Amino acid sequence: MGLTGDGGEIVLNVRFGPLLAAGIHRDVQLDVPKHSLQLLRSALSRIGTERRTSGKYMSHTLFDRIDHNTRLAGDLHVRRRAHDEIQYLDLAGSANVVDTGRQTGQAEKENPMTELRFGVALIPTLDLETTRRLAVVAEQAGLEYIGVQDHPYAPQYLDAFVVIGDLLARTERIQLFPDVANLPLRPPSVLARTASALSQVSGGRFQLGLGAGGYRDAIESMGAPRRTSPEALRALDEAITIMRGLWRADSSVDHDGEFYRVRGIGGQQPGPGGVEIWVGAQGPRSLVLTGRVADGWAAPIPAYLPYDRWAESNEVLNRAARDAGRDPAGIRRVAQLVGTIETATPASRPLAQSGADPVRADVAGWVELLTRLATEQPFTTFVLWPEQADEQQIRLFAEEVAPGVRERMGERSVV
């Protein structure tokens, strides 16, 4: 293992036989034999790279992350979610490309966690037809994500995972996630199975927003144990370990923990690209946990975590990631903003720099706010929680706000 890089472009070289996989994320060089593929896969986890070819070497783009369920011998399976492109690299030194989606010809990004992505949160009301219609609008307008709130104790809402499955069946490209799943009411072994199944049937379009459980009275009313905040975080830590184990097809999970016990349960591989876990952390201890083990942070809406605490929360998460030996840039940051995109009059007051008030501004105001969040903080994903969910708000966000932010940031649309 050696280090390369001169302060400019940093290149990661991983050699196995004549095959070279080169990227621009970390200054590490690894010489890995075939039998160490598991080590290689772990070392490259969550590293984005840029496609190159030179001489006898052929490089390969490592998109979102190495598929942790790849066989330990044979080929290395990676995938880019945005364009549904799967590539297999043979350890003998050849590359075979299988295109399972549309060809775009777009230049690859250096790190998928730095791609700007946009989504909308939908409430799973009993009016399922409206939810279906808005989901289709979101996809047609070009959004990347739909979040669905999870409140199993609320009779005015349909079950989030049933709604997500329904919407995945009615869409083709957009990804869905629970925003966020209530862990105390969804045991991790069952949640892992639900997530892997939704990922499989949708072709890898499911991600898992996950929370420790905030409404303790409501959770207890459903028959689940009441946990203190420290207990809830320890249970969340255990749950993530169990679920990750159950997403490895060749695994058998045994876990005898403080809160969960699993005996000899076989793993089930999710769909292409795997399932990311985005924790809806609020307090310092939950942010530390997120920085240590999660794939992303789904920043709670400002009613729970005011805007003026987002920057310090990101710093807590960054420190925890570094302390755990992780690159903070590899953790997706999801900013969730409640508000309205106004069409009648421009914003007449300062935009949400503090507090928990909804953002009410015209398109230019929203572009300014999201650009500031993307430049002053490490947010790369923005989810609109519309005060009044309708087609106009979704289209304004997708077709005017998102392109405006991308233009300000110098990035072309990933759609």
Protein backbone atom coordinates (compact mmCIF):
# COMPACT_ATOMS: atom_id res chain seq x y z
CA MET A 1 0.00 0.00 0.00
CA GLY A 2 1.38 3.41 -0.92
CA LEU A 3 0.32 7.03 -1.23
CA THR A 4 0.11 9.03 -4.42
CA GLY A 5 -0.94 12.58 -5.17
CA ASP A 6 0.79 15.94 -5.49
CA GLY A 7 -1.81 18.27 -4.00
CA GLY A 8 -3.65 18.52 -7.30
CA GLU A 9 -5.58 15.60 -8.70
CA ILE A 10 -5.40 12.63 -6.35
CA VAL A 11 -5.51 9.20 -7.92
CA LEU A 12 -6.46 5.91 -6.34
CA ASN A 13 -4.87 2.96 -8.12
CA VAL A 14 -5.96 -0.59 -7.41
CA ARG A 15 -4.15 -3.21 -9.45
CA PHE A 16 -5.20 -6.80 -9.94
CA GLY A 17 -3.47 -8.46 -12.85
CA PRO A 18 -3.32 -6.04 -15.79
CA LEU A 19 -6.54 -4.34 -14.75
CA LEU A 20 -6.33 -0.85 -13.28
CA ALA A 21 -9.21 0.87 -11.53
CA ALA A 22 -8.34 4.53 -11.19
CA GLY A 23 -10.24 7.30 -9.44
CA ILE A 24 -9.93 10.74 -7.90
CA HIS A 25 -11.12 10.37 -4.35
CA ARG A 26 -8.35 9.21 -2.06
CA ASP A 27 -4.57 9.18 -2.16
CA VAL A 28 -4.16 5.47 -1.54
CA GLN A 29 -2.60 2.80 -3.73
CA LEU A 30 -3.36 -0.84 -3.05
CA ASP A 31 -1.85 -3.94 -4.62
CA VAL A 32 -4.50 -6.59 -4.11
CA PRO A 33 -4.33 -10.22 -5.20
CA LYS A 34 -7.41 -12.14 -6.26
CA HIS A 35 -7.91 -13.83 -2.94
CA SER A 36 -8.11 -10.41 -1.23
CA LEU A 37 -11.16 -9.21 -3.13
CA GLN A 38 -13.06 -8.83 0.13
CA LEU A 39 -10.38 -6.45 1.42
CA LEU A 40 -10.42 -4.59 -1.88
CA ARG A 41 -14.17 -4.20 -1.78
CA SER A 42 -14.05 -2.85 1.74
CA ALA A 43 -11.20 -0.45 0.96
CA LEU A 44 -13.05 1.00 -2.02
CA SER A 45 -16.41 1.32 -0.30
CA ARG A 46 -18.19 4.58 -1.16
CA ILE A 47 -15.42 5.83 -3.43
CA GLY A 48 -16.48 7.58 -6.64
CA THR A 49 -14.14 7.60 -9.59
CA GLU A 50 -13.70 8.93 -13.08
CA ARG A 51 -13.57 6.70 -16.15
CA ARG A 52 -10.19 6.48 -17.89
CA THR A 53 -8.33 4.31 -20.34
CA SER A 54 -4.61 4.37 -21.03
CA GLY A 55 -2.24 1.88 -22.58
CA LYS A 56 -2.93 -1.69 -21.63
CA TYR A 57 -4.93 -0.71 -18.57
CA MET A 58 -8.65 -0.25 -18.58
CA SER A 59 -10.13 1.76 -15.74
CA HIS A 60 -13.62 1.48 -14.40
CA THR A 61 -16.02 3.89 -12.81
CA LEU A 62 -16.91 3.03 -9.25
CA PHE A 63 -20.24 4.65 -8.79
CA ASP A 64 -22.20 4.89 -5.52
CA ARG A 65 -20.31 2.12 -3.75
CA ILE A 66 -19.06 -1.38 -4.06
CA ASP A 67 -21.92 -3.86 -3.89
CA HIS A 68 -21.26 -5.55 -0.55
CA ASN A 69 -23.03 -8.68 -1.76
CA THR A 70 -20.66 -9.36 -4.66
CA ARG A 71 -19.18 -12.85 -4.81
CA LEU A 72 -15.66 -13.08 -3.43
CA ALA A 73 -14.42 -14.65 -6.64
CA GLY A 74 -15.23 -13.88 -10.23
CA ASP A 75 -16.22 -10.34 -10.96
CA LEU A 76 -16.58 -7.09 -9.09
CA HIS A 77 -20.08 -5.67 -9.38
CA VAL A 78 -20.67 -1.93 -9.17
CA ARG A 79 -23.48 0.27 -10.33
CA ARG A 80 -24.43 3.85 -11.00
CA ARG A 81 -27.95 4.43 -9.76
CA ALA A 82 -28.62 7.58 -11.79
CA HIS A 83 -28.27 5.85 -15.14
CA ASP A 84 -28.85 2.18 -14.25
CA GLU A 85 -25.50 1.17 -15.70
CA ILE A 86 -23.88 -2.00 -14.42
CA GLN A 87 -20.29 -2.92 -15.16
CA TYR A 88 -18.49 -6.11 -14.32
CA LEU A 89 -14.71 -6.22 -14.00
CA ASP A 90 -13.14 -9.60 -14.48
CA LEU A 91 -10.13 -10.26 -12.28
CA ALA A 92 -8.24 -11.69 -15.23
CA GLY A 93 -8.07 -8.25 -16.77
CA SER A 94 -11.06 -7.77 -19.03
CA ALA A 95 -14.10 -5.57 -18.69
CA ASN A 96 -17.64 -6.29 -19.77
CA VAL A 97 -20.28 -3.56 -19.81
CA VAL A 98 -23.95 -4.41 -19.48
CA ASP A 99 -26.33 -1.46 -19.96
CA THR A 100 -29.61 -2.09 -18.16
CA GLY A 101 -30.96 1.41 -18.64
CA ARG A 102 -30.76 4.43 -20.89
CA GLN A 103 -27.55 5.79 -22.39
CA THR A 104 -26.93 9.42 -21.54
CA GLY A 105 -23.38 10.12 -22.62
CA GLN A 106 -22.96 12.36 -19.59
CA ALA A 107 -19.54 12.82 -18.03
CA GLU A 108 -19.10 10.92 -14.81
CA LYS A 109 -18.99 12.66 -11.45
CA GLU A 110 -15.97 12.49 -9.17
CA ASN A 111 -17.97 11.41 -6.14
CA PRO A 112 -21.66 10.51 -6.20
CA MET A 113 -22.09 12.00 -2.74
CA THR A 114 -21.29 15.40 -4.27
CA GLU A 115 -23.91 15.13 -7.01
CA LEU A 116 -26.79 17.47 -6.35
CA ARG A 117 -30.06 15.58 -6.02
CA PHE A 118 -33.57 16.78 -5.34
CA GLY A 119 -36.72 15.20 -4.00
CA VAL A 120 -40.12 15.79 -2.44
CA ALA A 121 -41.73 14.43 0.71
CA LEU A 122 -45.25 13.07 0.42
CA ILE A 123 -47.67 12.29 3.24
CA PRO A 124 -49.27 8.82 2.91
CA THR A 125 -52.82 10.02 3.45
CA LEU A 126 -55.88 7.88 2.80
CA ASP A 127 -56.20 9.70 -0.54
CA LEU A 128 -53.93 7.23 -2.31
CA GLU A 129 -54.88 8.39 -5.80
CA THR A 130 -53.56 11.88 -5.11
CA THR A 131 -50.32 10.45 -3.72
CA ARG A 132 -49.94 8.29 -6.82
CA ARG A 133 -50.54 11.24 -9.12
CA LEU A 134 -48.01 13.44 -7.32
CA ALA A 135 -45.41 10.67 -7.41
CA VAL A 136 -45.74 10.34 -11.17
CA VAL A 137 -45.48 14.13 -11.51
CA ALA A 138 -42.31 14.11 -9.41
CA GLU A 139 -40.73 11.52 -11.66
CA GLN A 140 -41.82 13.20 -14.88
CA ALA A 141 -40.51 16.55 -13.64
CA GLY A 142 -37.08 15.05 -13.02
CA LEU A 143 -36.76 14.66 -9.25
CA GLU A 144 -34.51 11.90 -7.91
CA TYR A 145 -36.24 11.07 -4.63
CA ILE A 146 -39.63 10.74 -2.96
CA GLY A 147 -39.73 10.51 0.82
CA VAL A 148 -42.77 9.00 2.56
CA GLN A 149 -43.46 9.71 6.22
CA ASP A 150 -43.73 6.69 8.53
CA HIS A 151 -46.28 7.02 11.35
CA PRO A 152 -47.83 3.56 11.93
CA TYR A 153 -49.76 4.80 14.99
CA ALA A 154 -51.65 7.46 12.99
CA PRO A 155 -54.94 6.10 11.54
CA GLN A 156 -55.17 8.98 9.06
CA TYR A 157 -52.05 7.68 7.29
CA LEU A 158 -51.54 4.52 5.26
CA ASP A 159 -48.57 2.30 6.05
CA ALA A 160 -45.49 3.96 4.58
CA PHE A 161 -43.94 0.77 3.22
CA VAL A 162 -47.12 -0.33 1.49
CA VAL A 163 -47.38 3.10 -0.15
CA ILE A 164 -43.70 3.01 -1.14
CA GLY A 165 -44.17 -0.39 -2.78
CA ASP A 166 -47.21 0.90 -4.64
CA LEU A 167 -45.34 3.98 -5.89
CA LEU A 168 -42.28 1.98 -6.91
CA ALA A 169 -44.56 -0.18 -9.06
CA ARG A 170 -45.97 2.92 -10.78
CA THR A 171 -42.64 4.62 -11.49
CA GLU A 172 -39.50 3.66 -13.38
CA ARG A 173 -36.60 5.88 -12.36
CA ILE A 174 -37.24 7.81 -9.15
CA GLN A 175 -36.02 6.42 -5.83
CA LEU A 176 -38.15 6.19 -2.70
CA PHE A 177 -37.35 6.13 1.01
CA PRO A 178 -39.26 6.20 4.31
CA ASP A 179 -38.76 9.61 5.89
CA VAL A 180 -37.89 8.14 8.36
CA ALA A 181 -38.77 4.56 9.36
CA ASN A 182 -39.83 4.10 12.98
CA LEU A 183 -37.37 1.48 14.24
CA PRO A 184 -39.10 0.58 17.55
CA LEU A 185 -42.20 -0.49 15.59
CA ARG A 186 -40.26 -2.31 12.88
CA PRO A 187 -37.84 -5.00 14.13
CA PRO A 188 -34.54 -4.83 12.24
CA SER A 189 -34.64 -8.37 10.86
CA VAL A 190 -38.08 -7.78 9.34
CA LEU A 191 -37.11 -4.27 8.23
CA ALA A 192 -34.04 -5.67 6.50
CA ARG A 193 -36.18 -8.16 4.60
CA THR A 194 -38.67 -5.46 3.62
CA ALA A 195 -35.87 -3.20 2.40
CA SER A 196 -34.09 -5.89 0.39
CA ALA A 197 -37.37 -6.97 -1.21
CA LEU A 198 -38.34 -3.41 -2.17
CA SER A 199 -34.85 -2.87 -3.55
CA GLN A 200 -35.00 -6.08 -5.59
CA VAL A 201 -38.45 -5.57 -7.09
CA SER A 202 -37.67 -1.96 -8.01
CA GLY A 203 -34.25 -2.55 -9.54
CA GLY A 204 -32.39 -0.80 -6.70
CA ARG A 205 -34.65 2.22 -6.22
CA PHE A 206 -35.21 1.96 -2.47
CA GLN A 207 -33.17 3.64 0.26
CA LEU A 208 -33.79 3.42 4.00
CA GLY A 209 -34.36 6.52 6.06
CA LEU A 210 -34.20 5.35 9.67
CA GLY A 211 -34.99 6.88 13.04
CA ALA A 212 -34.56 5.73 16.62
CA GLY A 213 -38.20 6.57 17.39
CA GLY A 214 -39.20 9.98 18.68
CA TYR A 215 -42.88 9.72 19.62
CA ARG A 216 -42.50 7.58 22.71
CA ASP A 217 -46.11 7.75 23.90
CA ALA A 218 -47.39 6.76 20.47
CA ILE A 219 -44.79 4.00 20.15
CA GLU A 220 -45.70 2.60 23.55
CA SER A 221 -49.39 2.74 22.65
CA MET A 222 -48.66 0.32 19.80
CA GLY A 223 -47.20 -2.23 22.22
CA ALA A 224 -43.51 -1.49 21.74
CA PRO A 225 -41.23 -0.95 24.75
CA ARG A 226 -40.59 2.58 25.91
CA ARG A 227 -36.90 3.40 25.61
CA THR A 228 -34.83 6.26 26.93
CA SER A 229 -32.83 8.29 24.42
CA PRO A 230 -29.55 6.46 25.18
CA GLU A 231 -31.35 3.11 24.93
CA ALA A 232 -32.93 4.09 21.62
CA LEU A 233 -29.54 4.99 20.17
CA ARG A 234 -27.95 1.74 21.32
CA ALA A 235 -30.87 -0.14 19.77
CA LEU A 236 -30.39 1.80 16.52
CA ASP A 237 -26.71 0.89 16.46
CA GLU A 238 -27.58 -2.80 16.94
CA ALA A 239 -30.26 -2.64 14.28
CA ILE A 240 -27.92 -1.22 11.65
CA THR A 241 -25.42 -4.01 12.34
CA ILE A 242 -28.13 -6.66 12.00
CA MET A 243 -29.57 -5.21 8.80
CA ARG A 244 -26.21 -4.87 7.10
CA GLY A 245 -25.49 -8.49 7.94
CA LEU A 246 -28.84 -9.58 6.53
CA TRP A 247 -28.12 -7.80 3.25
CA ARG A 248 -25.23 -10.17 2.50
CA ALA A 249 -26.55 -13.09 0.50
CA ASP A 250 -23.87 -15.48 1.74
CA SER A 251 -24.28 -14.61 5.42
CA SER A 252 -25.95 -16.25 8.39
CA VAL A 253 -26.60 -13.71 11.12
CA ASP A 254 -26.41 -14.46 14.81
CA HIS A 255 -26.80 -11.50 17.12
CA ASP A 256 -27.28 -11.58 20.88
CA GLY A 257 -27.52 -7.94 21.86
CA GLU A 258 -29.04 -5.75 24.49
CA PHE A 259 -32.22 -5.15 22.49
CA TYR A 260 -32.30 -7.61 19.60
CA ARG A 261 -31.59 -11.30 19.26
CA VAL A 262 -31.28 -13.03 15.90
CA ARG A 263 -30.48 -16.71 15.48
CA GLY A 264 -29.01 -18.12 12.27
CA ILE A 265 -30.99 -15.99 9.82
CA GLY A 266 -29.75 -16.17 6.25
CA GLY A 267 -28.99 -13.01 4.30
CA GLN A 268 -30.85 -11.67 1.29
CA GLN A 269 -29.14 -9.45 -1.25
CA PRO A 270 -30.88 -6.17 -2.12
CA GLY A 271 -31.22 -4.95 -5.67
CA PRO A 272 -28.40 -3.34 -7.69
CA GLY A 273 -26.47 -0.75 -5.72
CA GLY A 274 -27.62 -2.00 -2.33
CA VAL A 275 -29.56 0.01 0.24
CA GLU A 276 -28.20 3.13 1.88
CA ILE A 277 -29.15 3.88 5.49
CA TRP A 278 -29.86 7.56 6.17
CA VAL A 279 -30.30 8.28 9.86
CA GLY A 280 -32.66 11.07 10.93
CA ALA A 281 -30.36 12.22 13.72
CA GLN A 282 -31.12 15.26 15.89
CA GLY A 283 -28.97 15.34 19.02
CA PRO A 284 -25.18 15.16 19.36
CA ARG A 285 -25.08 11.49 20.33
CA SER A 286 -27.24 10.43 17.41
CA LEU A 287 -25.10 12.56 15.07
CA VAL A 288 -21.99 10.79 16.37
CA LEU A 289 -23.65 7.45 15.63
CA THR A 290 -24.55 8.66 12.16
CA GLY A 291 -21.00 9.78 11.44
CA ARG A 292 -19.68 6.46 12.66
CA VAL A 293 -21.94 3.98 10.85
CA ALA A 294 -24.55 5.53 8.54
CA ASP A 295 -24.49 6.11 4.79
CA GLY A 296 -26.29 9.42 5.11
CA TRP A 297 -27.84 12.01 7.39
CA ALA A 298 -31.48 12.90 6.75
CA ALA A 299 -31.50 16.22 8.56
CA PRO A 300 -34.82 16.52 10.40
CA ILE A 301 -37.18 19.27 9.32
CA PRO A 302 -36.54 22.56 11.16
CA ALA A 303 -39.47 22.04 13.53
CA TYR A 304 -37.28 19.35 15.13
CA LEU A 305 -33.81 20.71 14.29
CA PRO A 306 -33.82 24.46 13.51
CA TYR A 307 -31.77 25.74 10.59
CA ASP A 308 -29.27 27.50 12.83
CA ARG A 309 -28.23 24.12 14.27
CA TRP A 310 -27.57 22.45 10.92
CA ALA A 311 -24.02 23.74 10.56
CA GLU A 312 -22.89 22.64 14.02
CA SER A 313 -24.67 19.31 13.51
CA ASN A 314 -22.70 18.75 10.32
CA GLU A 315 -19.49 19.50 12.21
CA VAL A 316 -20.36 16.97 14.93
CA LEU A 317 -21.04 14.39 12.23
CA ASN A 318 -17.79 15.22 10.42
CA ARG A 319 -15.71 14.81 13.59
CA ALA A 320 -17.38 11.49 14.39
CA ALA A 321 -16.72 10.22 10.88
CA ARG A 322 -13.04 11.17 11.03
CA ASP A 323 -12.70 9.61 14.49
CA ALA A 324 -14.09 6.39 13.00
CA GLY A 325 -11.59 6.51 10.14
CA ARG A 326 -14.22 7.53 7.59
CA ASP A 327 -14.19 10.29 5.02
CA PRO A 328 -17.01 12.71 5.97
CA ALA A 329 -17.50 13.50 2.28
CA GLY A 330 -18.69 9.93 1.80
CA ILE A 331 -21.75 10.50 3.98
CA ARG A 332 -24.76 11.83 2.10
CA ARG A 333 -26.31 14.97 3.62
CA VAL A 334 -30.02 15.40 3.01
CA ALA A 335 -31.52 18.82 3.78
CA GLN A 336 -35.27 18.74 4.30
CA LEU A 337 -37.03 22.07 3.99
CA VAL A 338 -40.65 22.85 4.77
CA GLY A 339 -42.13 25.71 2.79
CA THR A 340 -43.80 27.13 -0.27
CA ILE A 341 -42.39 28.29 -3.59
CA GLU A 342 -44.25 31.52 -4.15
CA THR A 343 -45.29 32.72 -7.58
CA ALA A 344 -47.04 36.01 -6.81
CA THR A 345 -44.51 38.19 -4.97
CA PRO A 346 -40.79 37.94 -4.24
CA ALA A 347 -39.63 37.07 -0.75
CA SER A 348 -39.69 40.15 1.49
CA ARG A 349 -37.81 38.78 4.49
CA PRO A 350 -34.50 37.01 5.13
CA LEU A 351 -34.47 33.39 4.06
CA ALA A 352 -34.33 30.61 6.64
CA GLN A 353 -30.96 31.20 8.23
CA SER A 354 -32.25 30.37 11.70
CA GLY A 355 -35.31 29.19 13.53
CA ALA A 356 -37.94 26.75 12.36
CA ASP A 357 -40.24 28.89 10.23
CA PRO A 358 -41.26 27.54 6.82
CA VAL A 359 -39.37 28.90 3.84
CA ARG A 360 -41.68 31.10 1.77
CA ALA A 361 -39.89 32.61 -1.20
CA ASP A 362 -39.98 32.81 -4.97
CA VAL A 363 -37.84 30.59 -7.17
CA ALA A 364 -34.85 32.93 -6.94
CA GLY A 365 -35.06 32.91 -3.15
CA TRP A 366 -35.16 29.11 -3.01
CA VAL A 367 -32.22 28.90 -5.41
CA GLU A 368 -30.26 31.28 -3.19
CA LEU A 369 -31.00 29.31 -0.03
CA LEU A 370 -30.19 25.88 -1.46
CA THR A 371 -27.04 27.16 -3.14
CA ARG A 372 -25.90 28.55 0.19
CA LEU A 373 -26.59 25.22 1.90
CA ALA A 374 -24.64 23.43 -0.82
CA THR A 375 -21.64 25.75 -0.57
CA GLU A 376 -21.46 26.67 3.12
CA GLN A 377 -22.43 23.20 4.34
CA PRO A 378 -21.98 19.72 2.85
CA PHE A 379 -25.61 19.23 1.79
CA THR A 380 -25.97 17.63 -1.63
CA THR A 381 -29.55 16.36 -1.49
CA PHE A 382 -32.56 18.63 -0.97
CA VAL A 383 -36.05 17.40 -0.16
CA LEU A 384 -38.98 19.77 -0.30
CA TRP A 385 -41.71 19.31 2.30
CA PRO A 386 -44.39 21.43 0.64
CA GLU A 387 -46.84 23.15 2.97
CA GLN A 388 -49.45 22.35 0.36
CA ALA A 389 -48.43 19.37 -1.76
CA ASP A 390 -49.66 19.89 -5.29
CA GLU A 391 -48.44 19.50 -8.83
CA GLN A 392 -47.41 23.14 -9.16
CA GLN A 393 -45.10 23.05 -6.13
CA ILE A 394 -43.44 19.85 -7.31
CA ARG A 395 -42.91 21.18 -10.82
CA LEU A 396 -41.55 24.51 -9.60
CA PHE A 397 -39.05 22.71 -7.37
CA ALA A 398 -38.01 20.20 -10.04
CA GLU A 399 -38.09 22.36 -13.15
CA GLU A 400 -37.01 25.76 -11.86
CA VAL A 401 -35.38 25.56 -8.42
CA ALA A 402 -33.26 22.45 -9.02
CA PRO A 403 -31.86 23.61 -12.41
CA GLY A 404 -31.18 27.03 -10.89
CA VAL A 405 -29.15 25.54 -8.08
CA ARG A 406 -27.25 23.28 -10.45
CA GLU A 407 -26.45 26.20 -12.69
CA ARG A 408 -25.22 28.26 -9.75
CA MET A 409 -23.09 25.32 -8.65
CA GLY A 410 -21.80 24.73 -12.18
CA GLU A 411 -23.34 21.29 -12.48
CA ARG A 412 -25.45 19.87 -15.24
CA SER A 413 -28.62 17.98 -14.37
CA VAL A 414 -28.11 14.30 -13.59
CA VAL A 415 -31.52 13.46 -15.06
